[in-house]
N, C-alpha and C. Protein backbone atom coordinates (compact mmCIF):
# COMPACT_ATOMS: atom_id res chain seq x y z
N UNK A 1 61.77 57.27 56.79
CA UNK A 1 62.84 57.28 57.77
C UNK A 1 62.49 56.47 59.03
N UNK A 2 61.27 56.59 59.57
CA UNK A 2 60.95 55.81 60.77
C UNK A 2 61.02 54.30 60.53
N UNK A 3 60.63 53.86 59.31
CA UNK A 3 60.68 52.43 59.02
C UNK A 3 62.13 51.93 59.01
N UNK A 4 63.04 52.75 58.48
CA UNK A 4 64.45 52.37 58.47
C UNK A 4 65.01 52.29 59.89
N UNK A 5 64.54 53.16 60.76
CA UNK A 5 64.99 53.13 62.16
C UNK A 5 64.52 51.85 62.86
N UNK A 6 63.29 51.42 62.56
CA UNK A 6 62.82 50.19 63.20
C UNK A 6 63.57 48.97 62.67
N UNK A 7 63.87 48.98 61.38
CA UNK A 7 64.66 47.87 60.82
C UNK A 7 66.06 47.86 61.41
N UNK A 8 66.64 49.05 61.57
CA UNK A 8 67.97 49.14 62.20
C UNK A 8 67.92 48.61 63.63
N UNK A 9 66.85 48.90 64.36
CA UNK A 9 66.69 48.38 65.71
C UNK A 9 66.63 46.86 65.74
N UNK A 10 65.94 46.27 64.77
CA UNK A 10 65.87 44.81 64.70
C UNK A 10 67.22 44.21 64.34
N UNK A 11 67.96 44.87 63.46
CA UNK A 11 69.29 44.36 63.10
C UNK A 11 70.22 44.42 64.30
N UNK A 12 70.20 45.52 65.03
CA UNK A 12 71.04 45.66 66.23
C UNK A 12 70.65 44.60 67.27
N UNK A 13 69.35 44.40 67.44
CA UNK A 13 68.89 43.37 68.39
C UNK A 13 69.40 41.99 67.99
N UNK A 14 69.37 41.70 66.69
CA UNK A 14 69.87 40.42 66.22
C UNK A 14 71.36 40.26 66.45
N UNK A 15 72.12 41.30 66.18
CA UNK A 15 73.57 41.24 66.39
C UNK A 15 73.92 41.07 67.87
N UNK A 16 73.25 41.82 68.71
CA UNK A 16 73.50 41.70 70.16
C UNK A 16 73.09 40.31 70.64
N UNK A 17 71.93 39.85 70.19
CA UNK A 17 71.47 38.51 70.58
C UNK A 17 72.43 37.43 70.14
N UNK A 18 72.90 37.51 68.90
CA UNK A 18 73.84 36.52 68.40
C UNK A 18 75.15 36.54 69.18
N UNK A 19 75.66 37.74 69.44
CA UNK A 19 76.94 37.87 70.16
C UNK A 19 76.86 37.26 71.56
N UNK A 20 75.80 37.60 72.30
CA UNK A 20 75.72 37.12 73.67
C UNK A 20 75.28 35.66 73.74
N UNK A 21 74.53 35.17 72.75
CA UNK A 21 74.21 33.75 72.71
C UNK A 21 75.47 32.93 72.43
N UNK A 22 76.33 33.45 71.54
CA UNK A 22 77.59 32.76 71.26
C UNK A 22 78.48 32.75 72.50
N UNK A 23 78.47 33.85 73.24
CA UNK A 23 79.27 33.88 74.47
C UNK A 23 78.72 32.92 75.50
N UNK A 24 77.40 32.82 75.58
CA UNK A 24 76.79 31.91 76.56
C UNK A 24 77.09 30.45 76.22
N UNK A 25 77.02 30.11 74.93
CA UNK A 25 77.17 28.72 74.52
C UNK A 25 78.64 28.34 74.30
N UNK A 26 79.37 29.20 73.56
CA UNK A 26 80.73 28.86 73.14
C UNK A 26 81.84 29.58 73.90
N UNK A 27 81.49 30.58 74.68
CA UNK A 27 82.47 31.42 75.39
C UNK A 27 83.46 32.06 74.43
N UNK A 28 82.94 32.55 73.29
CA UNK A 28 83.85 33.05 72.26
C UNK A 28 84.22 34.52 72.43
N UNK A 29 83.30 35.50 72.31
CA UNK A 29 83.78 36.88 72.28
C UNK A 29 84.29 37.39 73.62
N UNK A 30 83.62 37.04 74.71
CA UNK A 30 83.99 37.60 76.01
C UNK A 30 84.54 36.55 76.97
N UNK A 31 84.87 35.40 76.47
CA UNK A 31 85.43 34.30 77.26
C UNK A 31 84.52 33.88 78.42
N UNK A 32 83.20 34.01 78.20
CA UNK A 32 82.25 33.57 79.22
C UNK A 32 82.40 34.32 80.52
N UNK A 33 82.58 35.63 80.46
CA UNK A 33 82.86 36.42 81.66
C UNK A 33 81.76 36.30 82.71
N UNK A 34 80.50 36.40 82.29
CA UNK A 34 79.42 36.35 83.25
C UNK A 34 78.16 35.77 82.59
N UNK A 35 77.64 34.71 83.14
CA UNK A 35 76.43 34.12 82.60
C UNK A 35 75.24 35.05 82.81
N UNK A 36 75.21 35.75 83.95
CA UNK A 36 74.12 36.68 84.23
C UNK A 36 74.11 37.83 83.22
N UNK A 37 75.27 38.32 82.85
CA UNK A 37 75.38 39.38 81.84
C UNK A 37 74.86 38.87 80.50
N UNK A 38 75.21 37.64 80.13
CA UNK A 38 74.76 37.07 78.86
C UNK A 38 73.24 36.95 78.82
N UNK A 39 72.66 36.45 79.89
CA UNK A 39 71.21 36.28 79.93
C UNK A 39 70.51 37.64 79.93
N UNK A 40 71.04 38.59 80.67
CA UNK A 40 70.46 39.93 80.68
C UNK A 40 70.51 40.59 79.32
N UNK A 41 71.62 40.43 78.62
CA UNK A 41 71.76 41.01 77.28
C UNK A 41 70.83 40.31 76.30
N UNK A 42 70.64 39.01 76.43
CA UNK A 42 69.71 38.29 75.56
C UNK A 42 68.27 38.76 75.80
N UNK A 43 67.91 38.98 77.04
CA UNK A 43 66.57 39.49 77.34
C UNK A 43 66.40 40.89 76.76
N UNK A 44 67.41 41.74 76.92
CA UNK A 44 67.36 43.10 76.38
C UNK A 44 67.28 43.09 74.86
N UNK A 45 68.03 42.21 74.22
CA UNK A 45 67.99 42.11 72.75
C UNK A 45 66.61 41.63 72.29
N UNK A 46 66.05 40.69 73.00
CA UNK A 46 64.70 40.22 72.66
C UNK A 46 63.67 41.32 72.82
N UNK A 47 63.80 42.10 73.87
CA UNK A 47 62.88 43.21 74.10
C UNK A 47 63.03 44.28 73.02
N UNK A 48 64.27 44.61 72.67
CA UNK A 48 64.51 45.58 71.60
C UNK A 48 63.95 45.09 70.27
N UNK A 49 64.15 43.82 69.97
CA UNK A 49 63.63 43.25 68.73
C UNK A 49 62.11 43.30 68.69
N UNK A 50 61.47 42.95 69.80
CA UNK A 50 60.01 42.99 69.85
C UNK A 50 59.48 44.41 69.71
N UNK A 51 60.08 45.34 70.42
CA UNK A 51 59.62 46.72 70.34
C UNK A 51 59.82 47.30 68.94
N UNK A 52 60.92 46.95 68.30
CA UNK A 52 61.15 47.43 66.93
C UNK A 52 60.13 46.82 65.97
N UNK A 53 59.86 45.54 66.11
CA UNK A 53 58.89 44.88 65.25
C UNK A 53 57.49 45.46 65.46
N UNK A 54 57.12 45.70 66.71
CA UNK A 54 55.82 46.26 67.03
C UNK A 54 55.69 47.68 66.48
N UNK A 55 56.73 48.47 66.58
CA UNK A 55 56.71 49.84 66.04
C UNK A 55 56.59 49.81 64.52
N UNK A 56 57.27 48.87 63.87
CA UNK A 56 57.18 48.78 62.42
C UNK A 56 55.77 48.39 61.98
N UNK A 57 55.13 47.53 62.74
CA UNK A 57 53.75 47.16 62.43
C UNK A 57 52.81 48.35 62.53
N UNK A 58 53.03 49.23 63.49
CA UNK A 58 52.17 50.39 63.69
C UNK A 58 52.40 51.47 62.63
N UNK A 59 53.58 51.51 62.02
CA UNK A 59 53.88 52.52 61.02
C UNK A 59 53.07 52.30 59.76
N UNK A 60 52.83 51.07 59.38
CA UNK A 60 52.13 50.76 58.13
C UNK A 60 50.81 51.39 58.03
């Protein structure tokens, strides 16, 4: 179960990262509402992805 949770965390991080990167570059989902919000969400998604990957490494 813990391994599935870490994989789910990485998937969520990827989806959030993709969504906000698309908004930053193409202004698609949120019509480019705030560049600062996009960058903050990308940093948070990267942090979530790293923490999930690091936790999965420790589970093995």
